[in-house]
């Protein structure tokens, strides 16, 4: 991750909320989802085609690694659930519902299902 993106994430920290689940309802209105093993700061921007570009920066709580970033385009009604490399006990989900983006962290059992 480049230093300007990390600086932006740090600058957004005073405006961010922190919880196991957040709902973002405005572009650049950031929030932080706190999982058991990682923290993920998320915001979105609007693309020209009506999609949202969701940007998520995550860091392991033990801070043994550098922050990593995910970017994805989401249309209304899109939803996904995923794990992060090196953190098999945790799942994140991101769902777009109209002008809202819902982000959630959940523990996963051995089969990868959210508990």
PDB file of N, CA and C in Angstrom:
ATOM      1  N   UNK A   1       0.845  -1.169   0.000  1.00  0.00           N
ATOM      2  CA  UNK A   1       0.000   0.000   0.000  1.00  0.00           C
ATOM      3  C   UNK A   1       0.888   1.228   0.000  1.00  0.00           C
ATOM      4  N   UNK A   2       0.554   2.219  -0.834  1.00  0.00           N
ATOM      5  CA  UNK A   2       1.408   3.392  -0.878  1.00  0.00           C
ATOM      6  C   UNK A   2       1.128   4.311   0.302  1.00  0.00           C
ATOM      7  N   UNK A   3       2.087   5.171   0.594  1.00  0.00           N
ATOM      8  CA  UNK A   3       1.988   6.005   1.790  1.00  0.00           C
ATOM      9  C   UNK A   3       0.864   7.017   1.710  1.00  0.00           C
ATOM     10  N   UNK A   4       0.517   7.503   0.519  1.00  0.00           N
ATOM     11  CA  UNK A   4      -0.574   8.478   0.423  1.00  0.00           C
ATOM     12  C   UNK A   4      -1.924   7.843   0.742  1.00  0.00           C
ATOM     13  N   UNK A   5      -2.141   6.600   0.348  1.00  0.00           N
ATOM     14  CA  UNK A   5      -3.401   5.923   0.672  1.00  0.00           C
ATOM     15  C   UNK A   5      -3.483   5.657   2.175  1.00  0.00           C
ATOM     16  N   UNK A   6      -2.369   5.278   2.779  1.00  0.00           N
ATOM     17  CA  UNK A   6      -2.372   5.037   4.219  1.00  0.00           C
ATOM     18  C   UNK A   6      -2.586   6.354   4.972  1.00  0.00           C
ATOM     19  N   UNK A   7      -1.985   7.433   4.485  1.00  0.00           N
ATOM     20  CA  UNK A   7      -2.182   8.746   5.108  1.00  0.00           C
ATOM     21  C   UNK A   7      -3.640   9.165   5.013  1.00  0.00           C
ATOM     22  N   UNK A   8      -4.281   8.879   3.875  1.00  0.00           N
ATOM     23  CA  UNK A   8      -5.697   9.196   3.728  1.00  0.00           C
ATOM     24  C   UNK A   8      -6.525   8.413   4.741  1.00  0.00           C
ATOM     25  N   UNK A   9      -6.233   7.130   4.909  1.00  0.00           N
ATOM     26  CA  UNK A   9      -6.966   6.313   5.879  1.00  0.00           C
ATOM     27  C   UNK A   9      -6.785   6.864   7.287  1.00  0.00           C
ATOM     28  N   UNK A  10      -5.584   7.293   7.622  1.00  0.00           N
ATOM     29  CA  UNK A  10      -5.351   7.878   8.938  1.00  0.00           C
ATOM     30  C   UNK A  10      -6.088   9.205   9.088  1.00  0.00           C
ATOM     31  N   UNK A  11      -6.128   9.998   8.033  1.00  0.00           N
ATOM     32  CA  UNK A  11      -6.837  11.276   8.085  1.00  0.00           C
ATOM     33  C   UNK A  11      -8.328  11.078   8.292  1.00  0.00           C
ATOM     34  N   UNK A  12      -8.866   9.982   7.751  1.00  0.00           N
ATOM     35  CA  UNK A  12     -10.289   9.701   7.888  1.00  0.00           C
ATOM     36  C   UNK A  12     -10.628   9.157   9.271  1.00  0.00           C
ATOM     37  N   UNK A  13      -9.640   8.719  10.032  1.00  0.00           N
ATOM     38  CA  UNK A  13      -9.892   8.076  11.325  1.00  0.00           C
ATOM     39  C   UNK A  13     -10.756   8.905  12.268  1.00  0.00           C
ATOM     40  N   UNK A  14     -10.559  10.231  12.391  1.00  0.00           N
ATOM     41  CA  UNK A  14     -11.424  10.969  13.305  1.00  0.00           C
ATOM     42  C   UNK A  14     -12.893  10.967  12.889  1.00  0.00           C
ATOM     43  N   UNK A  15     -13.166  10.762  11.611  1.00  0.00           N
ATOM     44  CA  UNK A  15     -14.528  10.753  11.108  1.00  0.00           C
ATOM     45  C   UNK A  15     -15.140   9.353  11.118  1.00  0.00           C
ATOM     46  N   UNK A  16     -14.332   8.365  11.414  1.00  0.00           N
ATOM     47  CA  UNK A  16     -14.759   6.977  11.278  1.00  0.00           C
ATOM     48  C   UNK A  16     -15.419   6.461  12.549  1.00  0.00           C
ATOM     49  N   UNK A  17     -16.283   5.487  12.346  1.00  0.00           N
ATOM     50  CA  UNK A  17     -16.853   4.754  13.461  1.00  0.00           C
ATOM     51  C   UNK A  17     -16.145   3.412  13.534  1.00  0.00           C
ATOM     52  N   UNK A  18     -16.224   2.734  14.675  1.00  0.00           N
ATOM     53  CA  UNK A  18     -15.579   1.432  14.807  1.00  0.00           C
ATOM     54  C   UNK A  18     -16.544   0.474  15.479  1.00  0.00           C
ATOM     55  N   UNK A  19     -16.795  -0.660  14.831  1.00  0.00           N
ATOM     56  CA  UNK A  19     -17.739  -1.661  15.336  1.00  0.00           C
ATOM     57  C   UNK A  19     -17.541  -2.945  14.561  1.00  0.00           C
ATOM     58  N   UNK A  20     -18.283  -4.000  14.927  1.00  0.00           N
ATOM     59  CA  UNK A  20     -18.242  -5.254  14.185  1.00  0.00           C
ATOM     60  C   UNK A  20     -19.101  -5.158  12.935  1.00  0.00           C
ATOM     61  N   UNK A  21     -19.941  -4.132  12.864  1.00  0.00           N
ATOM     62  CA  UNK A  21     -20.813  -3.937  11.700  1.00  0.00           C
ATOM     63  C   UNK A  21     -21.051  -2.444  11.534  1.00  0.00           C
ATOM     64  N   UNK A  22     -20.939  -1.957  10.290  1.00  0.00           N
ATOM     65  CA  UNK A  22     -21.192  -0.550  10.007  1.00  0.00           C
ATOM     66  C   UNK A  22     -22.036  -0.413   8.750  1.00  0.00           C
ATOM     67  N   UNK A  23     -22.688   0.727   8.611  1.00  0.00           N
ATOM     68  CA  UNK A  23     -23.393   1.089   7.393  1.00  0.00           C
ATOM     69  C   UNK A  23     -22.881   2.448   6.955  1.00  0.00           C
ATOM     70  N   UNK A  24     -22.398   2.506   5.733  1.00  0.00           N
ATOM     71  CA  UNK A  24     -21.928   3.754   5.138  1.00  0.00           C
ATOM     72  C   UNK A  24     -23.032   4.267   4.228  1.00  0.00           C
ATOM     73  N   UNK A  25     -23.372   5.557   4.315  1.00  0.00           N
ATOM     74  CA  UNK A  25     -24.459   6.070   3.487  1.00  0.00           C
ATOM     75  C   UNK A  25     -24.124   7.351   2.750  1.00  0.00           C
ATOM     76  N   UNK A  26     -22.827   7.661   2.628  1.00  0.00           N
ATOM     77  CA  UNK A  26     -22.390   8.809   1.842  1.00  0.00           C
ATOM     78  C   UNK A  26     -20.975   8.556   1.344  1.00  0.00           C
ATOM     79  N   UNK A  27     -20.662   9.017   0.132  1.00  0.00           N
ATOM     80  CA  UNK A  27     -19.298   8.855  -0.377  1.00  0.00           C
ATOM     81  C   UNK A  27     -18.279   9.470   0.581  1.00  0.00           C
ATOM     82  N   UNK A  28     -17.174   8.801   0.742  1.00  0.00           N
ATOM     83  CA  UNK A  28     -16.053   9.201   1.590  1.00  0.00           C
ATOM     84  C   UNK A  28     -16.372   9.219   3.085  1.00  0.00           C
ATOM     85  N   UNK A  29     -17.568   8.823   3.482  1.00  0.00           N
ATOM     86  CA  UNK A  29     -17.894   8.706   4.910  1.00  0.00           C
ATOM     87  C   UNK A  29     -17.361   7.359   5.371  1.00  0.00           C
ATOM     88  N   UNK A  30     -16.225   7.356   5.994  1.00  0.00           N
ATOM     89  CA  UNK A  30     -15.555   6.114   6.344  1.00  0.00           C
ATOM     90  C   UNK A  30     -15.965   5.547   7.677  1.00  0.00           C
ATOM     91  N   UNK A  31     -15.681   4.278   7.834  1.00  0.00           N
ATOM     92  CA  UNK A  31     -15.910   3.578   9.082  1.00  0.00           C
ATOM     93  C   UNK A  31     -14.920   2.444   9.211  1.00  0.00           C
ATOM     94  N   UNK A  32     -14.739   1.960  10.421  1.00  0.00           N
ATOM     95  CA  UNK A  32     -13.826   0.846  10.670  1.00  0.00           C
ATOM     96  C   UNK A  32     -14.592  -0.309  11.290  1.00  0.00           C
ATOM     97  N   UNK A  33     -14.441  -1.474  10.678  1.00  0.00           N
ATOM     98  CA  UNK A  33     -15.034  -2.701  11.193  1.00  0.00           C
ATOM     99  C   UNK A  33     -13.932  -3.436  11.950  1.00  0.00           C
ATOM    100  N   UNK A  34     -14.220  -3.788  13.183  1.00  0.00           N
ATOM    101  CA  UNK A  34     -13.231  -4.440  14.026  1.00  0.00           C
ATOM    102  C   UNK A  34     -13.564  -5.921  14.143  1.00  0.00           C
ATOM    103  N   UNK A  35     -12.732  -6.761  13.533  1.00  0.00           N
ATOM    104  CA  UNK A  35     -12.883  -8.206  13.651  1.00  0.00           C
ATOM    105  C   UNK A  35     -12.020  -8.727  14.783  1.00  0.00           C
ATOM    106  N   UNK A  36     -12.022 -10.022  14.972  1.00  0.00           N
ATOM    107  CA  UNK A  36     -11.219 -10.630  16.036  1.00  0.00           C
ATOM    108  C   UNK A  36      -9.724 -10.533  15.740  1.00  0.00           C
ATOM    109  N   UNK A  37      -9.354 -10.648  14.460  1.00  0.00           N
ATOM    110  CA  UNK A  37      -7.947 -10.691  14.088  1.00  0.00           C
ATOM    111  C   UNK A  37      -7.464  -9.463  13.331  1.00  0.00           C
ATOM    112  N   UNK A  38      -8.379  -8.747  12.699  1.00  0.00           N
ATOM    113  CA  UNK A  38      -8.021  -7.616  11.854  1.00  0.00           C
ATOM    114  C   UNK A  38      -8.992  -6.455  12.071  1.00  0.00           C
ATOM    115  N   UNK A  39      -8.562  -5.281  11.655  1.00  0.00           N
ATOM    116  CA  UNK A  39      -9.421  -4.104  11.569  1.00  0.00           C
ATOM    117  C   UNK A  39      -9.436  -3.680  10.112  1.00  0.00           C
ATOM    118  N   UNK A  40     -10.621  -3.280   9.617  1.00  0.00           N
ATOM    119  CA  UNK A  40     -10.765  -2.899   8.222  1.00  0.00           C
ATOM    120  C   UNK A  40     -11.462  -1.545   8.138  1.00  0.00           C
ATOM    121  N   UNK A  41     -10.777  -0.555   7.557  1.00  0.00           N
ATOM    122  CA  UNK A  41     -11.363   0.754   7.322  1.00  0.00           C
ATOM    123  C   UNK A  41     -11.921   0.777   5.911  1.00  0.00           C
ATOM    124  N   UNK A  42     -13.163   1.266   5.774  1.00  0.00           N
ATOM    125  CA  UNK A  42     -13.877   1.185   4.494  1.00  0.00           C
ATOM    126  C   UNK A  42     -14.512   2.538   4.171  1.00  0.00           C
ATOM    127  N   UNK A  43     -14.481   2.895   2.892  1.00  0.00           N
ATOM    128  CA  UNK A  43     -15.247   4.019   2.371  1.00  0.00           C
ATOM    129  C   UNK A  43     -15.611   3.697   0.933  1.00  0.00           C
ATOM    130  N   UNK A  44     -16.493   4.499   0.330  1.00  0.00           N
ATOM    131  CA  UNK A  44     -16.809   4.299  -1.080  1.00  0.00           C
ATOM    132  C   UNK A  44     -16.877   5.630  -1.810  1.00  0.00           C
ATOM    133  N   UNK A  45     -16.705   5.552  -3.119  1.00  0.00           N
ATOM    134  CA  UNK A  45     -16.894   6.695  -4.006  1.00  0.00           C
ATOM    135  C   UNK A  45     -17.892   6.276  -5.073  1.00  0.00           C
ATOM    136  N   UNK A  46     -18.460   7.250  -5.767  1.00  0.00           N
ATOM    137  CA  UNK A  46     -19.409   6.942  -6.836  1.00  0.00           C
ATOM    138  C   UNK A  46     -18.694   6.943  -8.174  1.00  0.00           C
ATOM    139  N   UNK A  47     -18.967   5.928  -8.986  1.00  0.00           N
ATOM    140  CA  UNK A  47     -18.418   5.838 -10.330  1.00  0.00           C
ATOM    141  C   UNK A  47     -19.438   6.422 -11.312  1.00  0.00           C
ATOM    142  N   UNK A  48     -18.999   6.692 -12.523  1.00  0.00           N
ATOM    143  CA  UNK A  48     -19.877   7.307 -13.524  1.00  0.00           C
ATOM    144  C   UNK A  48     -21.056   6.430 -13.909  1.00  0.00           C
ATOM    145  N   UNK A  49     -20.906   5.132 -13.862  1.00  0.00           N
ATOM    146  CA  UNK A  49     -21.964   4.221 -14.323  1.00  0.00           C
ATOM    147  C   UNK A  49     -22.970   3.860 -13.230  1.00  0.00           C
ATOM    148  N   UNK A  50     -22.943   4.575 -12.102  1.00  0.00           N
ATOM    149  CA  UNK A  50     -23.858   4.280 -11.003  1.00  0.00           C
ATOM    150  C   UNK A  50     -23.308   3.288 -10.003  1.00  0.00           C
ATOM    151  N   UNK A  51     -22.175   2.695 -10.313  1.00  0.00           N
ATOM    152  CA  UNK A  51     -21.540   1.764  -9.379  1.00  0.00           C
ATOM    153  C   UNK A  51     -20.874   2.550  -8.251  1.00  0.00           C
ATOM    154  N   UNK A  52     -20.639   1.878  -7.154  1.00  0.00           N
ATOM    155  CA  UNK A  52     -19.831   2.418  -6.074  1.00  0.00           C
ATOM    156  C   UNK A  52     -18.480   1.720  -6.134  1.00  0.00           C
ATOM    157  N   UNK A  53     -17.409   2.461  -5.972  1.00  0.00           N
ATOM    158  CA  UNK A  53     -16.087   1.880  -5.798  1.00  0.00           C
ATOM    159  C   UNK A  53     -15.852   1.813  -4.301  1.00  0.00           C
ATOM    160  N   UNK A  54     -15.844   0.604  -3.764  1.00  0.00           N
ATOM    161  CA  UNK A  54     -15.650   0.385  -2.331  1.00  0.00           C
ATOM    162  C   UNK A  54     -14.169   0.118  -2.106  1.00  0.00           C
ATOM    163  N   UNK A  55     -13.579   0.867  -1.180  1.00  0.00           N
ATOM    164  CA  UNK A  55     -12.160   0.750  -0.859  1.00  0.00           C
ATOM    165  C   UNK A  55     -12.046   0.309   0.596  1.00  0.00           C
ATOM    166  N   UNK A  56     -11.351  -0.789   0.816  1.00  0.00           N
ATOM    167  CA  UNK A  56     -11.189  -1.341   2.164  1.00  0.00           C
ATOM    168  C   UNK A  56      -9.700  -1.543   2.435  1.00  0.00           C
ATOM    169  N   UNK A  57      -9.215  -0.970   3.518  1.00  0.00           N
ATOM    170  CA  UNK A  57      -7.829  -1.130   3.937  1.00  0.00           C
ATOM    171  C   UNK A  57      -7.839  -1.900   5.253  1.00  0.00           C
ATOM    172  N   UNK A  58      -7.081  -2.993   5.309  1.00  0.00           N
ATOM    173  CA  UNK A  58      -7.098  -3.800   6.524  1.00  0.00           C
ATOM    174  C   UNK A  58      -5.693  -4.020   7.065  1.00  0.00           C
ATOM    175  N   UNK A  59      -5.661  -4.266   8.375  1.00  0.00           N
ATOM    176  CA  UNK A  59      -4.405  -4.477   9.076  1.00  0.00           C
ATOM    177  C   UNK A  59      -4.642  -5.486  10.189  1.00  0.00           C
ATOM    178  N   UNK A  60      -3.725  -6.433  10.322  1.00  0.00           N
ATOM    179  CA  UNK A  60      -3.811  -7.408  11.414  1.00  0.00           C
ATOM    180  C   UNK A  60      -3.630  -6.692  12.740  1.00  0.00           C
ATOM    181  N   UNK A  61      -4.376  -7.122  13.749  1.00  0.00           N
ATOM    182  CA  UNK A  61      -4.279  -6.491  15.068  1.00  0.00           C
ATOM    183  C   UNK A  61      -2.901  -6.651  15.681  1.00  0.00           C
ATOM    184  N   UNK A  62      -2.197  -7.728  15.334  1.00  0.00           N
ATOM    185  CA  UNK A  62      -0.844  -7.897  15.862  1.00  0.00           C
ATOM    186  C   UNK A  62       0.162  -7.049  15.095  1.00  0.00           C
ATOM    187  N   UNK A  63      -0.294  -6.383  14.025  1.00  0.00           N
ATOM    188  CA  UNK A  63       0.514  -5.463  13.221  1.00  0.00           C
ATOM    189  C   UNK A  63       1.810  -6.092  12.716  1.00  0.00           C
ATOM    190  N   UNK A  64       1.810  -7.404  12.519  1.00  0.00           N
ATOM    191  CA  UNK A  64       2.995  -8.087  12.015  1.00  0.00           C
ATOM    192  C   UNK A  64       3.205  -7.841  10.518  1.00  0.00           C
ATOM    193  N   UNK A  65       2.182  -7.376   9.825  1.00  0.00           N
ATOM    194  CA  UNK A  65       2.265  -7.163   8.385  1.00  0.00           C
ATOM    195  C   UNK A  65       1.920  -5.714   8.060  1.00  0.00           C
ATOM    196  N   UNK A  66       2.192  -5.328   6.838  1.00  0.00           N
ATOM    197  CA  UNK A  66       1.819  -4.006   6.348  1.00  0.00           C
ATOM    198  C   UNK A  66       0.324  -3.982   6.043  1.00  0.00           C
ATOM    199  N   UNK A  67      -0.301  -2.813   6.073  1.00  0.00           N
ATOM    200  CA  UNK A  67      -1.710  -2.728   5.671  1.00  0.00           C
ATOM    201  C   UNK A  67      -1.870  -3.195   4.226  1.00  0.00           C
ATOM    202  N   UNK A  68      -3.018  -3.751   3.927  1.00  0.00           N
ATOM    203  CA  UNK A  68      -3.333  -4.181   2.562  1.00  0.00           C
ATOM    204  C   UNK A  68      -4.650  -3.533   2.158  1.00  0.00           C
ATOM    205  N   UNK A  69      -4.887  -3.426   0.858  1.00  0.00           N
ATOM    206  CA  UNK A  69      -6.081  -2.737   0.377  1.00  0.00           C
ATOM    207  C   UNK A  69      -6.808  -3.577  -0.656  1.00  0.00           C
ATOM    208  N   UNK A  70      -8.123  -3.525  -0.572  1.00  0.00           N
ATOM    209  CA  UNK A  70      -9.010  -4.148  -1.551  1.00  0.00           C
ATOM    210  C   UNK A  70      -9.847  -3.052  -2.190  1.00  0.00           C
ATOM    211  N   UNK A  71     -10.132  -3.188  -3.471  1.00  0.00           N
ATOM    212  CA  UNK A  71     -11.052  -2.272  -4.154  1.00  0.00           C
ATOM    213  C   UNK A  71     -12.002  -3.102  -4.989  1.00  0.00           C
ATOM    214  N   UNK A  72     -13.273  -2.728  -4.977  1.00  0.00           N
ATOM    215  CA  UNK A  72     -14.252  -3.456  -5.769  1.00  0.00           C
ATOM    216  C   UNK A  72     -15.346  -2.517  -6.243  1.00  0.00           C
ATOM    217  N   UNK A  73     -15.886  -2.789  -7.410  1.00  0.00           N
ATOM    218  CA  UNK A  73     -17.035  -2.058  -7.935  1.00  0.00           C
ATOM    219  C   UNK A  73     -18.291  -2.809  -7.520  1.00  0.00           C
ATOM    220  N   UNK A  74     -19.265  -2.078  -6.980  1.00  0.00           N
ATOM    221  CA  UNK A  74     -20.510  -2.720  -6.546  1.00  0.00           C
ATOM    222  C   UNK A  74     -21.711  -1.969  -7.113  1.00  0.00           C
ATOM    223  N   UNK A  75     -22.607  -2.727  -7.732  1.00  0.00           N
ATOM    224  CA  UNK A  75     -23.887  -2.194  -8.191  1.00  0.00           C
ATOM    225  C   UNK A  75     -24.919  -2.413  -7.092  1.00  0.00           C
ATOM    226  N   UNK A  76     -26.046  -1.736  -7.173  1.00  0.00           N
ATOM    227  CA  UNK A  76     -27.121  -1.925  -6.207  1.00  0.00           C
ATOM    228  C   UNK A  76     -27.515  -3.400  -6.159  1.00  0.00           C
ATOM    229  N   UNK A  77     -27.586  -3.975  -4.977  1.00  0.00           N
ATOM    230  CA  UNK A  77     -27.952  -5.377  -4.801  1.00  0.00           C
ATOM    231  C   UNK A  77     -26.781  -6.333  -4.745  1.00  0.00           C
ATOM    232  N   UNK A  78     -25.571  -5.869  -5.070  1.00  0.00           N
ATOM    233  CA  UNK A  78     -24.399  -6.744  -4.993  1.00  0.00           C
ATOM    234  C   UNK A  78     -24.044  -7.041  -3.538  1.00  0.00           C
ATOM    235  N   UNK A  79     -23.569  -8.263  -3.300  1.00  0.00           N
ATOM    236  CA  UNK A  79     -23.135  -8.673  -1.964  1.00  0.00           C
ATOM    237  C   UNK A  79     -22.027  -9.700  -2.109  1.00  0.00           C
ATOM    238  N   UNK A  80     -21.089  -9.678  -1.174  1.00  0.00           N
ATOM    239  CA  UNK A  80     -20.038 -10.678  -1.181  1.00  0.00           C
ATOM    240  C   UNK A  80     -19.602 -10.967   0.237  1.00  0.00           C
ATOM    241  N   UNK A  81     -19.027 -12.148   0.423  1.00  0.00           N
ATOM    242  CA  UNK A  81     -18.478 -12.579   1.703  1.00  0.00           C
ATOM    243  C   UNK A  81     -17.114 -13.182   1.397  1.00  0.00           C
ATOM    244  N   UNK A  82     -16.120 -12.817   2.203  1.00  0.00           N
ATOM    245  CA  UNK A  82     -14.761 -13.255   1.900  1.00  0.00           C
ATOM    246  C   UNK A  82     -13.915 -13.319   3.164  1.00  0.00           C
ATOM    247  N   UNK A  83     -12.855 -14.108   3.077  1.00  0.00           N
ATOM    248  CA  UNK A  83     -11.836 -14.167   4.110  1.00  0.00           C
ATOM    249  C   UNK A  83     -10.607 -13.415   3.635  1.00  0.00           C
ATOM    250  N   UNK A  84      -9.711 -13.153   4.553  1.00  0.00           N
ATOM    251  CA  UNK A  84      -8.473 -12.453   4.226  1.00  0.00           C
ATOM    252  C   UNK A  84      -7.300 -13.417   4.317  1.00  0.00           C
ATOM    253  N   UNK A  85      -6.320 -13.292   3.434  1.00  0.00           N
ATOM    254  CA  UNK A  85      -5.161 -14.176   3.473  1.00  0.00           C
ATOM    255  C   UNK A  85      -4.485 -14.128   4.846  1.00  0.00           C
ATOM    256  N   UNK A  86      -4.207 -15.303   5.398  1.00  0.00           N
ATOM    257  CA  UNK A  86      -3.521 -15.401   6.665  1.00  0.00           C
ATOM    258  C   UNK A  86      -4.405 -15.255   7.902  1.00  0.00           C
ATOM    259  N   UNK A  87      -5.716 -15.103   7.703  1.00  0.00           N
ATOM    260  CA  UNK A  87      -6.647 -14.922   8.820  1.00  0.00           C
ATOM    261  C   UNK A  87      -7.858 -15.834   8.619  1.00  0.00           C
ATOM    262  N   UNK A  88      -7.665 -17.157   8.699  1.00  0.00           N
ATOM    263  CA  UNK A  88      -8.726 -18.103   8.363  1.00  0.00           C
ATOM    264  C   UNK A  88      -9.913 -18.122   9.329  1.00  0.00           C
ATOM    265  N   UNK A  89      -9.804 -17.536  10.490  1.00  0.00           N
ATOM    266  CA  UNK A  89     -10.901 -17.583  11.445  1.00  0.00           C
ATOM    267  C   UNK A  89     -11.869 -16.427  11.344  1.00  0.00           C
ATOM    268  N   UNK A  90     -11.770 -15.639  10.287  1.00  0.00           N
ATOM    269  CA  UNK A  90     -12.567 -14.424  10.199  1.00  0.00           C
ATOM    270  C   UNK A  90     -13.134 -14.239   8.790  1.00  0.00           C
ATOM    271  N   UNK A  91     -14.376 -13.812   8.721  1.00  0.00           N
ATOM    272  CA  UNK A  91     -15.022 -13.502   7.450  1.00  0.00           C
ATOM    273  C   UNK A  91     -15.522 -12.066   7.475  1.00  0.00           C
ATOM    274  N   UNK A  92     -15.469 -11.427   6.330  1.00  0.00           N
ATOM    275  CA  UNK A  92     -16.057 -10.102   6.150  1.00  0.00           C
ATOM    276  C   UNK A  92     -17.149 -10.213   5.099  1.00  0.00           C
ATOM    277  N   UNK A  93     -18.164  -9.368   5.232  1.00  0.00           N
ATOM    278  CA  UNK A  93     -19.184  -9.285   4.184  1.00  0.00           C
ATOM    279  C   UNK A  93     -19.420  -7.818   3.867  1.00  0.00           C
ATOM    280  N   UNK A  94     -19.654  -7.544   2.594  1.00  0.00           N
ATOM    281  CA  UNK A  94     -19.968  -6.196   2.118  1.00  0.00           C
ATOM    282  C   UNK A  94     -21.181  -6.323   1.218  1.00  0.00           C
ATOM    283  N   UNK A  95     -22.170  -5.478   1.455  1.00  0.00           N
ATOM    284  CA  UNK A  95     -23.419  -5.519   0.691  1.00  0.00           C
ATOM    285  C   UNK A  95     -23.832  -4.103   0.349  1.00  0.00           C
ATOM    286  N   UNK A  96     -24.231  -3.893  -0.907  1.00  0.00           N
ATOM    287  CA  UNK A  96     -24.756  -2.598  -1.320  1.00  0.00           C
ATOM    288  C   UNK A  96     -26.266  -2.698  -1.427  1.00  0.00           C
ATOM    289  N   UNK A  97     -26.944  -1.756  -0.789  1.00  0.00           N
ATOM    290  CA  UNK A  97     -28.408  -1.677  -0.805  1.00  0.00           C
ATOM    291  C   UNK A  97     -28.784  -0.227  -1.073  1.00  0.00           C
ATOM    292  N   UNK A  98     -29.030   0.090  -2.334  1.00  0.00           N
ATOM    293  CA  UNK A  98     -29.333   1.474  -2.706  1.00  0.00           C
ATOM    294  C   UNK A  98     -28.137   2.365  -2.473  1.00  0.00           C
ATOM    295  N   UNK A  99     -28.303   3.384  -1.625  1.00  0.00           N
ATOM    296  CA  UNK A  99     -27.200   4.303  -1.334  1.00  0.00           C
ATOM    297  C   UNK A  99     -26.402   3.889  -0.107  1.00  0.00           C
ATOM    298  N   UNK A 100     -26.726   2.729   0.480  1.00  0.00           N
ATOM    299  CA  UNK A 100     -26.022   2.237   1.669  1.00  0.00           C
ATOM    300  C   UNK A 100     -25.062   1.102   1.321  1.00  0.00           C
ATOM    301  N   UNK A 101     -23.950   1.080   2.025  1.00  0.00           N
ATOM    302  CA  UNK A 101     -23.013  -0.036   1.954  1.00  0.00           C
ATOM    303  C   UNK A 101     -22.876  -0.588   3.367  1.00  0.00           C
ATOM    304  N   UNK A 102     -23.235  -1.862   3.548  1.00  0.00           N
ATOM    305  CA  UNK A 102     -23.164  -2.536   4.847  1.00  0.00           C
ATOM    306  C   UNK A 102     -21.903  -3.395   4.878  1.00  0.00           C
ATOM    307  N   UNK A 103     -21.137  -3.269   5.955  1.00  0.00           N
ATOM    308  CA  UNK A 103     -19.898  -4.028   6.116  1.00  0.00           C
ATOM    309  C   UNK A 103     -19.960  -4.717   7.473  1.00  0.00           C
ATOM    310  N   UNK A 104     -19.583  -6.003   7.498  1.00  0.00           N
ATOM    311  CA  UNK A 104     -19.673  -6.778   8.732  1.00  0.00           C
ATOM    312  C   UNK A 104     -18.478  -7.712   8.856  1.00  0.00           C
ATOM    313  N   UNK A 105     -17.991  -7.864  10.081  1.00  0.00           N
ATOM    314  CA  UNK A 105     -16.963  -8.856  10.401  1.00  0.00           C
ATOM    315  C   UNK A 105     -17.615  -9.931  11.245  1.00  0.00           C
ATOM    316  N   UNK A 106     -17.268 -11.183  10.985  1.00  0.00           N
ATOM    317  CA  UNK A 106     -17.832 -12.304  11.747  1.00  0.00           C
ATOM    318  C   UNK A 106     -16.779 -13.383  11.892  1.00  0.00           C
ATOM    319  N   UNK A 107     -16.863 -14.101  12.997  1.00  0.00           N
ATOM    320  CA  UNK A 107     -15.987 -15.268  13.171  1.00  0.00           C
ATOM    321  C   UNK A 107     -16.487 -16.374  12.245  1.00  0.00           C
ATOM    322  N   UNK A 108     -15.578 -17.217  11.793  1.00  0.00           N
ATOM    323  CA  UNK A 108     -15.937 -18.343  10.929  1.00  0.00           C
ATOM    324  C   UNK A 108     -15.633 -19.627  11.670  1.00  0.00           C
ATOM    325  N   UNK A 109     -16.509 -20.629  11.505  1.00  0.00           N
ATOM    326  CA  UNK A 109     -16.184 -21.931  12.084  1.00  0.00           C
ATOM    327  C   UNK A 109     -15.250 -22.650  11.113  1.00  0.00           C
ATOM    328  N   UNK A 110     -14.847 -23.856  11.412  1.00  0.00           N
ATOM    329  CA  UNK A 110     -13.863 -24.577  10.609  1.00  0.00           C
ATOM    330  C   UNK A 110     -14.288 -24.771   9.163  1.00  0.00           C
ATOM    331  N   UNK A 111     -15.593 -24.717   8.869  1.00  0.00           N
ATOM    332  CA  UNK A 111     -16.059 -24.925   7.500  1.00  0.00           C
ATOM    333  C   UNK A 111     -16.099 -23.627   6.699  1.00  0.00           C
ATOM    334  N   UNK A 112     -15.788 -22.493   7.341  1.00  0.00           N
ATOM    335  CA  UNK A 112     -15.797 -21.214   6.637  1.00  0.00           C
ATOM    336  C   UNK A 112     -17.131 -20.506   6.730  1.00  0.00           C
ATOM    337  N   UNK A 113     -18.103 -21.102   7.449  1.00  0.00           N
ATOM    338  CA  UNK A 113     -19.399 -20.433   7.596  1.00  0.00           C
ATOM    339  C   UNK A 113     -19.295 -19.405   8.711  1.00  0.00           C
ATOM    340  N   UNK A 114     -19.987 -18.274   8.513  1.00  0.00           N
ATOM    341  CA  UNK A 114     -20.008 -17.242   9.568  1.00  0.00           C
ATOM    342  C   UNK A 114     -20.807 -17.780  10.741  1.00  0.00           C
ATOM    343  N   UNK A 115     -20.322 -17.482  11.936  1.00  0.00           N
ATOM    344  CA  UNK A 115     -21.055 -17.919  13.130  1.00  0.00           C
ATOM    345  C   UNK A 115     -21.788 -16.758  13.773  1.00  0.00           C
TER     346      UNK A 115
END
